[in-house]
Amino acid sequence: MNRNRVVTLKIFALRVGLFAALFIVLFAPTVDADTFTFRADRMSGGRATGKESIILVGNAEVRSDSLVLKAERIEIMGENNQFINCTGGVEGQEREKEIFFQTDRLRYDRSLKIARLEGNSTLEDRRNAIVAKGNFIEYNDGNETAILQIEVRLFKDDLVCRSQYAVYRRQEELLELAGFPVVFKKQDEFRADRIRVDLNTDDVTMEGAVSGSITDN
């Protein structure tokens, strides 16, 4: 084997060794943390105290025991990799709870388990057969509550809800709408200052400036 090839192989082995060591330092699970891994076309960054930041670019993916995040660019920041910022074709899923989402930009706090979706965003709750859309969505995985803002739309079977602000309480299957809310239930239409929808029974409760139309079957 010629000397140049030997040197090349040694450099390659050194790079692989450094990458493996970095992987272990960054993402080895602790007592209170789940398994946390990543992959991407390119990686850069460092772990200097106070400047912890790892940037993944190109087909980037981060996985924990229950959460999967995919994007063109993912930045992992903070002590114990607390914050994850994703941009460009962001997709994710919380597998155990059957929550799926797509957005332009996402910021996730691993300690608080809060995800903030910005831009053209969709949150799909497959367990309850609900699809919610908006330009800003904050989902709290701890209490399973989603706050939606700006051009909010929610779909379930024959039910369509629209507003500028909404709170979706997943465990109770309740939806609270404000900001010019309107609910379409098959051919019926309901408008008010505030609307509450029981997504389990499709019952609608309205408050303030109530109006609507009901079509006989």
C-alpha atoms as a PDB file:
ATOM      1  CA  MET A   1       0.000   0.000   0.000  1.00  0.00           C
ATOM      2  CA  ASN A   2       1.503   3.376  -0.934  1.00  0.00           C
ATOM      3  CA  ARG A   3       2.273   5.997   1.689  1.00  0.00           C
ATOM      4  CA  ASN A   4      -0.384   8.503   0.482  1.00  0.00           C
ATOM      5  CA  ARG A   5      -3.119   5.908   0.816  1.00  0.00           C
ATOM      6  CA  VAL A   6      -1.963   5.017   4.340  1.00  0.00           C
ATOM      7  CA  VAL A   7      -2.051   8.696   5.370  1.00  0.00           C
ATOM      8  CA  THR A   8      -5.533   9.116   3.835  1.00  0.00           C
ATOM      9  CA  LEU A   9      -6.859   6.091   5.698  1.00  0.00           C
ATOM     10  CA  LYS A  10      -5.395   7.344   8.991  1.00  0.00           C
ATOM     11  CA  ILE A  11      -7.019  10.771   8.527  1.00  0.00           C
ATOM     12  CA  PHE A  12     -10.358   9.143   7.694  1.00  0.00           C
ATOM     13  CA  ALA A  13     -10.139   6.899  10.760  1.00  0.00           C
ATOM     14  CA  LEU A  14      -9.296   9.895  12.935  1.00  0.00           C
ATOM     15  CA  ARG A  15     -12.318  11.815  11.621  1.00  0.00           C
ATOM     16  CA  VAL A  16     -14.620   8.860  12.235  1.00  0.00           C
ATOM     17  CA  GLY A  17     -13.218   8.491  15.735  1.00  0.00           C
ATOM     18  CA  LEU A  18     -13.720  12.174  16.537  1.00  0.00           C
ATOM     19  CA  PHE A  19     -17.265  12.095  15.160  1.00  0.00           C
ATOM     20  CA  ALA A  20     -18.115   9.030  17.251  1.00  0.00           C
ATOM     21  CA  ALA A  21     -16.663  10.674  20.355  1.00  0.00           C
ATOM     22  CA  LEU A  22     -18.626  13.856  19.699  1.00  0.00           C
ATOM     23  CA  PHE A  23     -21.790  11.808  19.245  1.00  0.00           C
ATOM     24  CA  ILE A  24     -21.264  10.111  22.605  1.00  0.00           C
ATOM     25  CA  VAL A  25     -20.517  13.380  24.433  1.00  0.00           C
ATOM     26  CA  LEU A  26     -23.492  15.181  22.930  1.00  0.00           C
ATOM     27  CA  PHE A  27     -26.190  12.594  22.895  1.00  0.00           C
ATOM     28  CA  ALA A  28     -25.475   9.843  25.365  1.00  0.00           C
ATOM     29  CA  PRO A  29     -28.636   9.464  27.486  1.00  0.00           C
ATOM     30  CA  THR A  30     -28.612  10.598  31.123  1.00  0.00           C
ATOM     31  CA  VAL A  31     -30.731   9.329  34.000  1.00  0.00           C
ATOM     32  CA  ASP A  32     -33.539  11.796  33.231  1.00  0.00           C
ATOM     33  CA  ALA A  33     -33.175  11.812  29.431  1.00  0.00           C
ATOM     34  CA  ASP A  34     -34.318   9.488  26.713  1.00  0.00           C
ATOM     35  CA  THR A  35     -32.141   8.231  23.864  1.00  0.00           C
ATOM     36  CA  PHE A  36     -31.329  11.105  21.499  1.00  0.00           C
ATOM     37  CA  THR A  37     -29.710  10.615  18.075  1.00  0.00           C
ATOM     38  CA  PHE A  38     -29.268  12.551  14.820  1.00  0.00           C
ATOM     39  CA  ARG A  39     -28.122  12.356  11.214  1.00  0.00           C
ATOM     40  CA  ALA A  40     -27.553  14.837   8.356  1.00  0.00           C
ATOM     41  CA  ASP A  41     -25.470  15.459   5.227  1.00  0.00           C
ATOM     42  CA  ARG A  42     -23.264  17.978   7.063  1.00  0.00           C
ATOM     43  CA  MET A  43     -22.594  18.968  10.654  1.00  0.00           C
ATOM     44  CA  SER A  44     -20.813  21.929  12.266  1.00  0.00           C
ATOM     45  CA  GLY A  45     -20.641  23.654  15.641  1.00  0.00           C
ATOM     46  CA  GLY A  46     -19.069  23.259  19.045  1.00  0.00           C
ATOM     47  CA  ARG A  47     -19.690  22.616  22.718  1.00  0.00           C
ATOM     48  CA  ALA A  48     -17.860  25.529  24.369  1.00  0.00           C
ATOM     49  CA  THR A  49     -19.519  26.481  27.655  1.00  0.00           C
ATOM     50  CA  GLY A  50     -22.142  29.143  27.033  1.00  0.00           C
ATOM     51  CA  LYS A  51     -21.979  28.604  23.270  1.00  0.00           C
ATOM     52  CA  GLU A  52     -23.320  25.086  22.912  1.00  0.00           C
ATOM     53  CA  SER A  53     -24.582  24.744  19.336  1.00  0.00           C
ATOM     54  CA  ILE A  54     -24.604  21.965  16.762  1.00  0.00           C
ATOM     55  CA  ILE A  55     -25.921  22.654  13.250  1.00  0.00           C
ATOM     56  CA  LEU A  56     -27.163  19.873  10.985  1.00  0.00           C
ATOM     57  CA  VAL A  57     -27.720  20.696   7.305  1.00  0.00           C
ATOM     58  CA  GLY A  58     -29.209  18.622   4.482  1.00  0.00           C
ATOM     59  CA  ASN A  59     -31.756  15.859   5.158  1.00  0.00           C
ATOM     60  CA  ALA A  60     -31.342  16.554   8.858  1.00  0.00           C
ATOM     61  CA  GLU A  61     -33.114  14.322  11.354  1.00  0.00           C
ATOM     62  CA  VAL A  62     -33.267  14.173  15.152  1.00  0.00           C
ATOM     63  CA  ARG A  63     -34.845  11.280  17.056  1.00  0.00           C
ATOM     64  CA  SER A  64     -35.664  10.591  20.669  1.00  0.00           C
ATOM     65  CA  ASP A  65     -37.619   7.668  22.139  1.00  0.00           C
ATOM     66  CA  SER A  66     -40.964   9.229  21.152  1.00  0.00           C
ATOM     67  CA  LEU A  67     -40.212  12.271  18.943  1.00  0.00           C
ATOM     68  CA  VAL A  68     -38.934  12.496  15.360  1.00  0.00           C
ATOM     69  CA  LEU A  69     -37.982  15.817  13.711  1.00  0.00           C
ATOM     70  CA  LYS A  70     -36.919  16.264  10.069  1.00  0.00           C
ATOM     71  CA  ALA A  71     -35.875  19.454   8.247  1.00  0.00           C
ATOM     72  CA  GLU A  72     -33.350  20.909   5.843  1.00  0.00           C
ATOM     73  CA  ARG A  73     -31.583  22.605   8.757  1.00  0.00           C
ATOM     74  CA  ILE A  74     -31.636  21.725  12.449  1.00  0.00           C
ATOM     75  CA  GLU A  75     -29.763  23.570  15.180  1.00  0.00           C
ATOM     76  CA  ILE A  76     -29.354  22.011  18.616  1.00  0.00           C
ATOM     77  CA  MET A  77     -28.528  24.501  21.366  1.00  0.00           C
ATOM     78  CA  GLY A  78     -28.218  25.029  25.084  1.00  0.00           C
ATOM     79  CA  GLU A  79     -27.140  23.035  28.075  1.00  0.00           C
ATOM     80  CA  ASN A  80     -28.081  19.365  27.739  1.00  0.00           C
ATOM     81  CA  ASN A  81     -29.274  20.101  24.172  1.00  0.00           C
ATOM     82  CA  GLN A  82     -32.411  21.771  25.513  1.00  0.00           C
ATOM     83  CA  PHE A  83     -33.477  23.697  22.389  1.00  0.00           C
ATOM     84  CA  ILE A  84     -33.952  22.413  18.833  1.00  0.00           C
ATOM     85  CA  ASN A  85     -34.593  24.873  15.986  1.00  0.00           C
ATOM     86  CA  CYS A  86     -35.748  23.490  12.628  1.00  0.00           C
ATOM     87  CA  THR A  87     -36.192  25.342   9.326  1.00  0.00           C
ATOM     88  CA  GLY A  88     -37.086  24.309   5.785  1.00  0.00           C
ATOM     89  CA  GLY A  89     -39.666  21.622   5.086  1.00  0.00           C
ATOM     90  CA  VAL A  90     -40.085  20.736   8.741  1.00  0.00           C
ATOM     91  CA  GLU A  91     -41.894  17.495   9.560  1.00  0.00           C
ATOM     92  CA  GLY A  92     -42.324  15.747  12.878  1.00  0.00           C
ATOM     93  CA  GLN A  93     -44.246  13.221  14.847  1.00  0.00           C
ATOM     94  CA  GLU A  94     -44.899  12.223  18.426  1.00  0.00           C
ATOM     95  CA  ARG A  95     -45.366   8.540  17.793  1.00  0.00           C
ATOM     96  CA  GLU A  96     -46.914   7.357  21.057  1.00  0.00           C
ATOM     97  CA  LYS A  97     -49.671   9.994  20.967  1.00  0.00           C
ATOM     98  CA  GLU A  98     -50.133   9.867  17.178  1.00  0.00           C
ATOM     99  CA  ILE A  99     -49.442  13.580  16.713  1.00  0.00           C
ATOM    100  CA  PHE A 100     -48.016  14.614  13.320  1.00  0.00           C
ATOM    101  CA  PHE A 101     -47.073  18.099  12.131  1.00  0.00           C
ATOM    102  CA  GLN A 102     -45.634  20.109   9.243  1.00  0.00           C
ATOM    103  CA  THR A 103     -44.403  23.707   9.338  1.00  0.00           C
ATOM    104  CA  ASP A 104     -41.962  26.236   7.918  1.00  0.00           C
ATOM    105  CA  ARG A 105     -40.123  26.774  11.209  1.00  0.00           C
ATOM    106  CA  LEU A 106     -40.146  24.978  14.536  1.00  0.00           C
ATOM    107  CA  ARG A 107     -38.607  25.616  17.949  1.00  0.00           C
ATOM    108  CA  TYR A 108     -38.754  22.784  20.471  1.00  0.00           C
ATOM    109  CA  ASP A 109     -37.887  22.953  24.171  1.00  0.00           C
ATOM    110  CA  ARG A 110     -36.939  19.438  25.276  1.00  0.00           C
ATOM    111  CA  SER A 111     -37.207  20.272  28.986  1.00  0.00           C
ATOM    112  CA  LEU A 112     -40.678  21.833  28.834  1.00  0.00           C
ATOM    113  CA  LYS A 113     -41.783  19.624  25.914  1.00  0.00           C
ATOM    114  CA  ILE A 114     -43.272  22.630  24.130  1.00  0.00           C
ATOM    115  CA  ALA A 115     -43.155  22.953  20.329  1.00  0.00           C
ATOM    116  CA  ARG A 116     -43.757  26.279  18.546  1.00  0.00           C
ATOM    117  CA  LEU A 117     -44.634  26.073  14.851  1.00  0.00           C
ATOM    118  CA  GLU A 118     -44.412  29.216  12.709  1.00  0.00           C
ATOM    119  CA  GLY A 119     -45.437  29.860   9.118  1.00  0.00           C
ATOM    120  CA  ASN A 120     -47.713  27.576   7.156  1.00  0.00           C
ATOM    121  CA  SER A 121     -48.360  24.992   9.880  1.00  0.00           C
ATOM    122  CA  THR A 122     -50.464  21.843  10.219  1.00  0.00           C
ATOM    123  CA  LEU A 123     -51.049  19.752  13.330  1.00  0.00           C
ATOM    124  CA  GLU A 124     -52.709  16.378  12.839  1.00  0.00           C
ATOM    125  CA  ASP A 125     -54.160  14.389  15.728  1.00  0.00           C
ATOM    126  CA  ARG A 126     -54.736  11.017  14.112  1.00  0.00           C
ATOM    127  CA  ARG A 127     -56.047   9.390  17.259  1.00  0.00           C
ATOM    128  CA  ASN A 128     -58.979  11.839  17.332  1.00  0.00           C
ATOM    129  CA  ALA A 129     -59.176  12.254  13.528  1.00  0.00           C
ATOM    130  CA  ILE A 130     -58.555  16.012  13.736  1.00  0.00           C
ATOM    131  CA  VAL A 131     -56.500  18.272  11.448  1.00  0.00           C
ATOM    132  CA  ALA A 132     -55.701  21.819  12.626  1.00  0.00           C
ATOM    133  CA  LYS A 133     -53.996  24.578  10.611  1.00  0.00           C
ATOM    134  CA  GLY A 134     -52.698  28.066  11.388  1.00  0.00           C
ATOM    135  CA  ASN A 135     -49.759  30.437  11.000  1.00  0.00           C
ATOM    136  CA  PHE A 136     -48.683  29.883  14.602  1.00  0.00           C
ATOM    137  CA  ILE A 137     -49.216  26.772  16.699  1.00  0.00           C
ATOM    138  CA  GLU A 138     -47.873  26.123  20.180  1.00  0.00           C
ATOM    139  CA  TYR A 139     -48.275  22.539  21.347  1.00  0.00           C
ATOM    140  CA  ASN A 140     -47.644  21.599  24.971  1.00  0.00           C
ATOM    141  CA  ASP A 141     -47.006  17.879  25.108  1.00  0.00           C
ATOM    142  CA  GLY A 142     -47.271  17.845  28.907  1.00  0.00           C
ATOM    143  CA  ASN A 143     -50.919  18.895  29.133  1.00  0.00           C
ATOM    144  CA  GLU A 144     -51.738  18.047  25.502  1.00  0.00           C
ATOM    145  CA  THR A 145     -52.995  21.523  24.680  1.00  0.00           C
ATOM    146  CA  ALA A 146     -52.511  23.414  21.417  1.00  0.00           C
ATOM    147  CA  ILE A 147     -52.824  27.186  20.978  1.00  0.00           C
ATOM    148  CA  LEU A 148     -53.460  28.233  17.378  1.00  0.00           C
ATOM    149  CA  GLN A 149     -53.338  31.752  15.934  1.00  0.00           C
ATOM    150  CA  ILE A 150     -53.869  33.557  12.613  1.00  0.00           C
ATOM    151  CA  GLU A 151     -56.136  32.022   9.964  1.00  0.00           C
ATOM    152  CA  VAL A 152     -56.988  29.046  12.142  1.00  0.00           C
ATOM    153  CA  ARG A 153     -58.851  26.142  10.569  1.00  0.00           C
ATOM    154  CA  LEU A 154     -59.820  22.837  12.147  1.00  0.00           C
ATOM    155  CA  PHE A 155     -61.377  19.867  10.385  1.00  0.00           C
ATOM    156  CA  LYS A 156     -63.090  16.768  11.738  1.00  0.00           C
ATOM    157  CA  ASP A 157     -65.447  14.686   9.616  1.00  0.00           C
ATOM    158  CA  ASP A 158     -68.284  17.080   8.559  1.00  0.00           C
ATOM    159  CA  LEU A 159     -67.168  19.771  11.011  1.00  0.00           C
ATOM    160  CA  VAL A 160     -65.162  22.808   9.854  1.00  0.00           C
ATOM    161  CA  CYS A 161     -64.102  25.526  12.316  1.00  0.00           C
ATOM    162  CA  ARG A 162     -62.442  28.856  11.502  1.00  0.00           C
ATOM    163  CA  SER A 163     -61.168  31.729  13.645  1.00  0.00           C
ATOM    164  CA  GLN A 164     -58.142  33.914  14.370  1.00  0.00           C
ATOM    165  CA  TYR A 165     -57.458  32.287  17.738  1.00  0.00           C
ATOM    166  CA  ALA A 166     -58.202  28.839  19.148  1.00  0.00           C
ATOM    167  CA  VAL A 167     -57.323  26.522  22.015  1.00  0.00           C
ATOM    168  CA  TYR A 168     -57.530  22.777  21.427  1.00  0.00           C
ATOM    169  CA  ARG A 169     -57.645  20.660  24.592  1.00  0.00           C
ATOM    170  CA  ARG A 170     -56.826  17.214  23.329  1.00  0.00           C
ATOM    171  CA  GLN A 171     -57.586  15.141  26.420  1.00  0.00           C
ATOM    172  CA  GLU A 172     -61.046  16.691  26.797  1.00  0.00           C
ATOM    173  CA  GLU A 173     -61.597  16.897  23.012  1.00  0.00           C
ATOM    174  CA  LEU A 174     -62.675  20.524  23.410  1.00  0.00           C
ATOM    175  CA  LEU A 175     -62.095  23.443  21.047  1.00  0.00           C
ATOM    176  CA  GLU A 176     -62.428  27.100  22.076  1.00  0.00           C
ATOM    177  CA  LEU A 177     -62.625  29.699  19.280  1.00  0.00           C
ATOM    178  CA  ALA A 178     -62.324  33.500  19.341  1.00  0.00           C
ATOM    179  CA  GLY A 179     -61.599  36.231  16.795  1.00  0.00           C
ATOM    180  CA  PHE A 180     -64.450  36.097  14.251  1.00  0.00           C
ATOM    181  CA  PRO A 181     -65.144  32.402  14.836  1.00  0.00           C
ATOM    182  CA  VAL A 182     -67.425  30.430  12.567  1.00  0.00           C
ATOM    183  CA  VAL A 183     -68.379  26.767  12.664  1.00  0.00           C
ATOM    184  CA  PHE A 184     -69.813  24.835   9.744  1.00  0.00           C
ATOM    185  CA  LYS A 185     -71.561  21.616  10.729  1.00  0.00           C
ATOM    186  CA  LYS A 186     -72.606  19.870   7.549  1.00  0.00           C
ATOM    187  CA  GLN A 187     -74.942  22.507   6.007  1.00  0.00           C
ATOM    188  CA  ASP A 188     -75.449  24.461   9.242  1.00  0.00           C
ATOM    189  CA  GLU A 189     -73.501  27.628  10.091  1.00  0.00           C
ATOM    190  CA  PHE A 190     -72.807  29.194  13.504  1.00  0.00           C
ATOM    191  CA  ARG A 191     -71.201  32.571  14.320  1.00  0.00           C
ATOM    192  CA  ALA A 192     -70.571  34.371  17.625  1.00  0.00           C
ATOM    193  CA  ASP A 193     -67.953  36.293  19.594  1.00  0.00           C
ATOM    194  CA  ARG A 194     -66.863  33.063  21.249  1.00  0.00           C
ATOM    195  CA  ILE A 195     -67.618  29.485  20.310  1.00  0.00           C
ATOM    196  CA  ARG A 196     -66.913  26.260  22.158  1.00  0.00           C
ATOM    197  CA  VAL A 197     -67.097  22.923  20.372  1.00  0.00           C
ATOM    198  CA  ASP A 198     -67.228  19.488  21.978  1.00  0.00           C
ATOM    199  CA  LEU A 199     -65.332  17.509  19.354  1.00  0.00           C
ATOM    200  CA  ASN A 200     -66.560  14.231  20.784  1.00  0.00           C
ATOM    201  CA  THR A 201     -70.267  15.026  20.357  1.00  0.00           C
ATOM    202  CA  ASP A 202     -69.998  17.974  17.886  1.00  0.00           C
ATOM    203  CA  ASP A 203     -72.128  20.071  20.271  1.00  0.00           C
ATOM    204  CA  VAL A 204     -71.652  23.831  19.762  1.00  0.00           C
ATOM    205  CA  THR A 205     -71.921  26.467  22.529  1.00  0.00           C
ATOM    206  CA  MET A 206     -71.922  30.150  21.524  1.00  0.00           C
ATOM    207  CA  GLU A 207     -71.579  33.437  23.436  1.00  0.00           C
ATOM    208  CA  GLY A 208     -71.971  37.069  22.297  1.00  0.00           C
ATOM    209  CA  ALA A 209     -73.495  38.314  19.036  1.00  0.00           C
ATOM    210  CA  VAL A 210     -74.833  34.887  18.188  1.00  0.00           C
ATOM    211  CA  SER A 211     -76.054  34.196  14.659  1.00  0.00           C
ATOM    212  CA  GLY A 212     -76.333  31.296  12.283  1.00  0.00           C
ATOM    213  CA  SER A 213     -78.423  29.240   9.947  1.00  0.00           C
ATOM    214  CA  ILE A 214     -79.789  25.716  10.161  1.00  0.00           C
ATOM    215  CA  THR A 215     -80.842  23.684   7.148  1.00  0.00           C
ATOM    216  CA  ASP A 216     -83.682  21.181   7.560  1.00  0.00           C
ATOM    217  CA  ASN A 217     -82.856  17.658   6.494  1.00  0.00           C
END
